[in-house]
Amino acid sequence: MTTESLLTIRDFIRWGASRFNEAGLFFGHGTDNSLDEAVALVLHALHLGADLPPLYLDARLTQDEREEVTSLIQRRIDERIPAAYLTHEAWFAGVAFYVDERVLVPRSPIAELLEAHFQPWVAEENLHRVLDLCTGSGCIGIAAAIHSPWLEVDLVDISQDALQVAEKNIEKHQLSDQVNAIHSDLFSALQGERYDIIVSNPPYVNVAEMNGLADEYQAEPRLGLVADDHGLQIVNKILSEAAQHLNPHGVLIVEVGSSAETVLERYPNVPFVWLDFERGGDGVFLLTVEQLAEFSDQFNS
């Protein structure tokens, strides 16, 4: 790619966005358009933050910087992996997380609930312990701990690789006294543990849907995305076991995304509360511990 005529940060951002559009890249892992993607990659290559004053956009790049920016943009085009894997950084609920190919790129609408301290679903005086099930990078549980610093949070995942990333983020945000990472196949290592909120963004994509997703999704770990039984294998298990690990006032919050319709078809009589989000996103349901107990026969059938 010829870049001799490009001089400034602004030039490279515009050029990168144009190249991304030309290549037909998919956006949906932290950004939703080519311009924001180009901003993220160019500023990362230059070791500059997103709060860069606009005046600096007209600063000229050195030759070494030009080569670094060009190389990063070319990798995004050639490898078709999310930009977060190139920068090793993703923002979620206003918090920066380390990410790599061992975990999904954080992007759940559940972020709004964390910023609101899970209100109005559990009274703050009853909110002490939170379980982030299928935690991946730890983004949900760690963001909950940051926004509600009185919480005790457990992060659980079946993937040791993912837990290594989660532990890196616990250390990054100095939360080792508040957040604990646990290796477990869902609730298997949590005997006797109870929480006020169980929140989960589990695998819920069925195999056929996964095979049709963009290359950027194929770069993510399939263990974090794909579930058997029309995408409901993990969700069903969570529904059948969660009540045993919730306090009397507790709630279960689960993101099922594109599988929401399948959930409704499987459990037509269950009174799921489907949460609304101001910044967009859907497919997140809430059930109380009482509702989980009332419909336990259906979840265990």
Protein backbone atom coordinates (compact mmCIF):
# COMPACT_ATOMS: atom_id res chain seq x y z
CA MET A 1 0.00 0.00 0.00
CA THR A 2 1.41 3.39 -1.02
CA THR A 3 1.38 5.95 1.79
CA GLU A 4 4.04 8.47 0.74
CA SER A 5 1.47 11.25 0.37
CA LEU A 6 0.06 10.69 3.87
CA LEU A 7 1.58 12.96 6.49
CA THR A 8 -0.60 13.49 9.54
CA ILE A 9 -2.54 11.42 12.05
CA ARG A 10 -5.71 12.68 10.37
CA ASP A 11 -4.43 11.48 6.98
CA PHE A 12 -3.79 7.96 8.25
CA ILE A 13 -7.14 7.70 10.01
CA ARG A 14 -8.99 8.68 6.84
CA TRP A 15 -6.84 6.40 4.73
CA GLY A 16 -7.29 3.46 7.09
CA ALA A 17 -11.07 3.89 7.12
CA SER A 18 -11.12 3.95 3.32
CA ARG A 19 -9.01 0.80 3.09
CA PHE A 20 -11.27 -0.99 5.60
CA ASN A 21 -14.36 -0.10 3.59
CA GLU A 22 -12.66 -1.16 0.37
CA ALA A 23 -11.76 -4.53 1.93
CA GLY A 24 -15.32 -5.10 3.19
CA LEU A 25 -14.33 -5.70 6.80
CA PHE A 26 -16.90 -6.54 9.47
CA PHE A 27 -17.21 -4.26 12.50
CA GLY A 28 -18.85 -5.32 15.72
CA HIS A 29 -16.12 -5.99 18.27
CA GLY A 30 -15.91 -2.66 20.04
CA THR A 31 -16.60 -0.43 17.03
CA ASP A 32 -19.38 -0.48 14.47
CA ASN A 33 -17.81 1.49 11.62
CA SER A 34 -14.57 1.84 9.70
CA LEU A 35 -13.70 5.31 10.99
CA ASP A 36 -13.78 4.37 14.67
CA GLU A 37 -11.80 1.22 13.86
CA ALA A 38 -9.16 3.27 12.10
CA VAL A 39 -8.96 5.72 15.01
CA ALA A 40 -8.41 2.87 17.46
CA LEU A 41 -5.64 1.26 15.44
CA VAL A 42 -3.81 4.44 14.42
CA LEU A 43 -3.76 5.86 17.96
CA HIS A 44 -2.65 2.51 19.37
CA ALA A 45 0.24 2.31 16.90
CA LEU A 46 1.30 5.81 17.96
CA HIS A 47 0.95 5.07 21.69
CA LEU A 48 -1.69 7.75 22.05
CA GLY A 49 -4.95 7.64 23.99
CA ALA A 50 -8.48 8.11 22.73
CA ASP A 51 -8.58 11.45 24.58
CA LEU A 52 -6.08 12.96 22.13
CA PRO A 53 -6.78 16.72 21.71
CA PRO A 54 -8.09 17.41 18.17
CA LEU A 55 -5.16 19.75 17.50
CA TYR A 56 -2.81 16.76 17.49
CA LEU A 57 -4.63 15.16 14.57
CA ASP A 58 -2.56 17.41 12.30
CA ALA A 59 0.75 16.27 13.80
CA ARG A 60 3.06 14.60 11.28
CA LEU A 61 4.29 11.02 11.67
CA THR A 62 7.93 9.96 11.56
CA GLN A 63 8.97 7.33 9.05
CA ASP A 64 9.04 4.63 11.73
CA GLU A 65 5.56 5.64 12.87
CA ARG A 66 4.24 5.55 9.32
CA GLU A 67 5.52 2.00 8.92
CA GLU A 68 4.00 0.92 12.26
CA VAL A 69 0.59 2.38 11.44
CA THR A 70 0.61 0.93 7.93
CA SER A 71 1.59 -2.51 9.20
CA LEU A 72 -1.21 -2.57 11.78
CA ILE A 73 -3.84 -1.49 9.28
CA GLN A 74 -2.60 -4.07 6.79
CA ARG A 75 -2.81 -6.82 9.44
CA ARG A 76 -6.42 -5.88 10.18
CA ILE A 77 -7.23 -6.30 6.49
CA ASP A 78 -5.21 -9.44 5.82
CA GLU A 79 -5.97 -11.42 8.98
CA ARG A 80 -9.62 -10.38 9.47
CA ILE A 81 -9.31 -10.49 13.24
CA PRO A 82 -10.95 -7.98 15.61
CA ALA A 83 -8.92 -4.85 16.23
CA ALA A 84 -8.94 -5.62 19.96
CA TYR A 85 -6.70 -8.63 19.31
CA LEU A 86 -4.21 -6.36 17.55
CA THR A 87 -4.19 -3.73 20.30
CA HIS A 88 -4.78 -6.19 23.19
CA GLU A 89 -7.28 -3.75 24.61
CA ALA A 90 -11.07 -3.54 24.71
CA TRP A 91 -13.30 -1.09 26.57
CA PHE A 92 -16.36 -2.34 28.43
CA ALA A 93 -18.59 -0.38 30.83
CA GLY A 94 -16.04 2.44 30.70
CA VAL A 95 -13.20 0.13 31.79
CA ALA A 96 -10.16 -0.97 29.76
CA PHE A 97 -9.49 -4.72 29.59
CA TYR A 98 -6.61 -6.77 28.28
CA VAL A 99 -7.83 -9.25 25.64
CA ASP A 100 -6.29 -11.72 23.24
CA GLU A 101 -7.40 -14.71 21.17
CA ARG A 102 -8.05 -16.79 24.31
CA VAL A 103 -11.23 -14.83 25.10
CA LEU A 104 -14.15 -13.16 23.35
CA VAL A 105 -13.95 -9.44 22.74
CA PRO A 106 -16.21 -7.75 25.37
CA ARG A 107 -19.38 -6.28 23.83
CA SER A 108 -22.39 -7.16 25.99
CA PRO A 109 -25.27 -4.72 26.67
CA ILE A 110 -25.08 -5.97 30.27
CA ALA A 111 -22.53 -3.17 30.73
CA GLU A 112 -25.43 -0.78 31.40
CA LEU A 113 -26.60 -2.88 34.34
CA LEU A 114 -23.14 -2.76 35.91
CA GLU A 115 -22.98 1.02 35.61
CA ALA A 116 -26.39 1.21 37.33
CA HIS A 117 -25.30 -1.15 40.17
CA PHE A 118 -27.88 -3.70 38.95
CA GLN A 119 -30.68 -1.33 39.94
CA PRO A 120 -33.65 -1.69 40.22
CA TRP A 121 -33.41 -5.50 40.22
CA VAL A 122 -31.70 -6.04 43.58
CA ALA A 123 -31.78 -3.48 46.39
CA GLU A 124 -28.29 -2.21 47.18
CA GLU A 125 -28.59 -3.28 50.82
CA ASN A 126 -29.09 -6.87 49.55
CA LEU A 127 -26.30 -6.75 47.00
CA HIS A 128 -23.09 -8.27 48.33
CA ARG A 129 -21.99 -11.21 46.20
CA VAL A 130 -22.01 -11.56 42.41
CA LEU A 131 -21.11 -14.55 40.24
CA ASP A 132 -19.93 -13.92 36.69
CA LEU A 133 -20.50 -17.30 35.02
CA CYS A 134 -18.64 -18.08 31.75
CA THR A 135 -16.53 -15.03 32.51
CA GLY A 136 -14.00 -15.10 29.65
CA SER A 137 -11.85 -11.98 30.09
CA GLY A 138 -13.60 -11.25 33.38
CA CYS A 139 -15.07 -8.06 31.98
CA ILE A 140 -18.58 -8.36 33.47
CA GLY A 141 -17.51 -9.32 36.98
CA ILE A 142 -14.56 -6.94 37.12
CA ALA A 143 -16.61 -4.01 35.80
CA ALA A 144 -19.28 -4.82 38.40
CA ALA A 145 -16.60 -4.70 41.13
CA ILE A 146 -15.27 -1.37 39.85
CA HIS A 147 -18.69 0.29 39.60
CA SER A 148 -19.87 -1.21 42.92
CA PRO A 149 -16.71 -1.42 45.03
CA TRP A 150 -18.45 -3.05 48.00
CA LEU A 151 -19.14 -6.23 45.98
CA GLU A 152 -17.46 -9.57 46.38
CA VAL A 153 -17.22 -11.14 42.91
CA ASP A 154 -16.40 -14.65 41.69
CA LEU A 155 -15.37 -15.19 38.06
CA VAL A 156 -15.97 -18.71 36.74
CA ASP A 157 -14.94 -20.33 33.47
CA ILE A 158 -14.26 -23.83 32.19
CA SER A 159 -11.33 -22.54 30.13
CA GLN A 160 -8.01 -22.27 31.94
CA ASP A 161 -6.77 -20.08 29.09
CA ALA A 162 -9.63 -17.64 29.61
CA LEU A 163 -9.02 -17.56 33.37
CA GLN A 164 -5.41 -16.59 32.74
CA VAL A 165 -6.70 -13.52 30.91
CA ALA A 166 -9.25 -12.83 33.66
CA GLU A 167 -6.52 -13.03 36.30
CA LYS A 168 -4.42 -10.62 34.25
CA ASN A 169 -7.33 -8.17 34.34
CA ILE A 170 -7.85 -8.67 38.07
CA GLU A 171 -4.19 -7.73 38.54
CA LYS A 172 -4.46 -4.84 36.07
CA HIS A 173 -7.22 -3.24 38.13
CA GLN A 174 -5.76 -4.25 41.52
CA LEU A 175 -8.87 -6.17 42.58
CA SER A 176 -7.35 -9.34 44.08
CA ASP A 177 -9.01 -8.59 47.45
CA GLN A 178 -12.43 -8.22 45.84
CA VAL A 179 -12.49 -10.54 42.81
CA ASN A 180 -11.70 -14.26 42.70
CA ALA A 181 -11.17 -16.40 39.57
CA ILE A 182 -12.38 -20.02 39.80
CA HIS A 183 -11.90 -22.87 37.34
CA SER A 184 -15.26 -24.64 37.09
CA ASP A 185 -17.62 -26.26 34.62
CA LEU A 186 -20.52 -23.91 35.40
CA PHE A 187 -21.50 -24.61 39.04
CA SER A 188 -19.51 -27.83 39.55
CA ALA A 189 -16.84 -26.24 41.79
CA LEU A 190 -19.27 -23.97 43.65
CA GLN A 191 -20.84 -26.38 46.10
CA GLY A 192 -22.51 -24.45 48.93
CA GLU A 193 -21.83 -21.04 47.36
CA ARG A 194 -24.72 -18.57 47.06
CA TYR A 195 -24.95 -15.19 45.40
CA ASP A 196 -27.26 -12.22 45.21
CA ILE A 197 -26.83 -12.02 41.44
CA ILE A 198 -25.68 -14.60 38.93
CA VAL A 199 -24.89 -12.92 35.63
CA SER A 200 -23.76 -14.78 32.53
CA ASN A 201 -22.94 -14.26 28.88
CA PRO A 202 -22.60 -17.97 28.02
CA PRO A 203 -22.06 -19.67 24.65
CA TYR A 204 -25.41 -19.51 22.81
CA VAL A 205 -24.64 -19.65 19.08
CA ASN A 206 -25.70 -22.80 17.26
CA VAL A 207 -23.28 -24.50 14.88
CA ALA A 208 -25.09 -23.53 11.68
CA GLU A 209 -25.26 -19.88 12.72
CA MET A 210 -21.59 -19.89 13.71
CA ASN A 211 -20.51 -21.18 10.32
CA GLY A 212 -22.28 -18.26 8.69
CA LEU A 213 -20.73 -15.52 10.80
CA ALA A 214 -18.08 -13.10 9.56
CA ASP A 215 -14.38 -13.99 9.66
CA GLU A 216 -13.88 -11.74 12.69
CA TYR A 217 -16.14 -14.04 14.75
CA GLN A 218 -14.29 -17.10 13.47
CA ALA A 219 -11.13 -15.64 15.03
CA GLU A 220 -12.70 -15.83 18.49
CA PRO A 221 -12.56 -19.01 20.62
CA ARG A 222 -15.44 -21.30 19.61
CA LEU A 223 -15.71 -22.50 23.21
CA GLY A 224 -16.98 -19.06 24.15
CA LEU A 225 -19.53 -18.85 21.35
CA VAL A 226 -20.93 -22.21 20.26
CA ALA A 227 -23.34 -24.46 22.14
CA ASP A 228 -25.16 -27.61 21.03
CA ASP A 229 -28.91 -28.20 21.26
CA HIS A 230 -29.77 -25.23 19.01
CA GLY A 231 -27.49 -23.01 21.08
CA LEU A 232 -29.22 -23.76 24.39
CA GLN A 233 -27.06 -26.50 25.90
CA ILE A 234 -25.30 -24.20 28.39
CA VAL A 235 -28.28 -21.92 28.96
CA ASN A 236 -30.49 -24.89 29.88
CA LYS A 237 -27.94 -26.11 32.42
CA ILE A 238 -27.69 -22.66 33.99
CA LEU A 239 -31.49 -22.46 34.29
CA SER A 240 -31.70 -25.87 35.94
CA GLU A 241 -28.98 -25.24 38.55
CA ALA A 242 -28.94 -21.49 39.28
CA ALA A 243 -31.60 -21.54 42.03
CA GLN A 244 -29.33 -23.69 44.19
CA HIS A 245 -26.75 -20.89 44.18
CA LEU A 246 -28.94 -17.83 44.72
CA ASN A 247 -29.88 -16.13 47.97
CA PRO A 248 -33.62 -15.68 48.74
CA HIS A 249 -33.73 -12.26 47.07
CA GLY A 250 -31.40 -13.30 44.24
CA VAL A 251 -31.78 -12.96 40.47
CA LEU A 252 -30.32 -14.63 37.42
CA ILE A 253 -29.36 -12.48 34.41
CA VAL A 254 -28.37 -14.25 31.19
CA GLU A 255 -27.54 -12.96 27.72
CA VAL A 256 -28.78 -15.27 24.97
CA GLY A 257 -28.62 -12.84 22.05
CA SER A 258 -29.85 -14.35 18.81
CA SER A 259 -31.14 -17.43 20.67
CA ALA A 260 -33.85 -15.45 22.49
CA GLU A 261 -36.57 -16.76 20.17
CA THR A 262 -35.38 -20.33 20.73
CA VAL A 263 -35.52 -19.79 24.49
CA LEU A 264 -39.12 -18.59 24.25
CA GLU A 265 -40.07 -21.55 22.09
CA ARG A 266 -38.45 -23.99 24.53
CA TYR A 267 -40.05 -22.41 27.63
CA PRO A 268 -43.30 -20.71 26.52
CA ASN A 269 -44.75 -20.58 30.05
CA VAL A 270 -41.74 -19.09 31.84
CA PRO A 271 -42.20 -15.36 32.65
CA PHE A 272 -38.83 -14.14 31.39
CA VAL A 273 -38.20 -10.42 31.87
CA TRP A 274 -36.40 -9.22 28.74
CA LEU A 275 -34.28 -6.22 29.64
CA ASP A 276 -34.19 -2.98 27.66
CA PHE A 277 -30.99 -1.00 27.18
CA GLU A 278 -30.67 2.70 26.38
CA ARG A 279 -27.58 2.19 24.23
CA GLY A 280 -29.04 -0.73 22.30
CA GLY A 281 -28.74 -4.48 22.51
CA ASP A 282 -31.25 -7.16 23.37
CA GLY A 283 -31.57 -10.86 24.17
CA VAL A 284 -30.89 -10.52 27.90
CA PHE A 285 -33.38 -12.08 30.31
CA LEU A 286 -33.88 -11.94 34.07
CA LEU A 287 -35.53 -14.45 36.40
CA THR A 288 -35.89 -14.34 40.17
CA VAL A 289 -34.89 -17.25 42.38
CA GLU A 290 -38.59 -17.83 43.05
CA GLN A 291 -39.33 -18.15 39.33
CA LEU A 292 -36.41 -20.50 38.82
CA ALA A 293 -37.72 -22.72 41.59
CA GLU A 294 -41.33 -22.55 40.35
CA PHE A 295 -40.40 -23.70 36.85
CA SER A 296 -37.63 -26.09 37.83
CA ASP A 297 -39.53 -29.07 36.41
CA GLN A 298 -39.42 -27.50 32.96
CA PHE A 299 -35.72 -26.64 33.22
CA ASN A 300 -34.86 -30.18 34.30
CA SER A 301 -37.02 -32.00 31.75
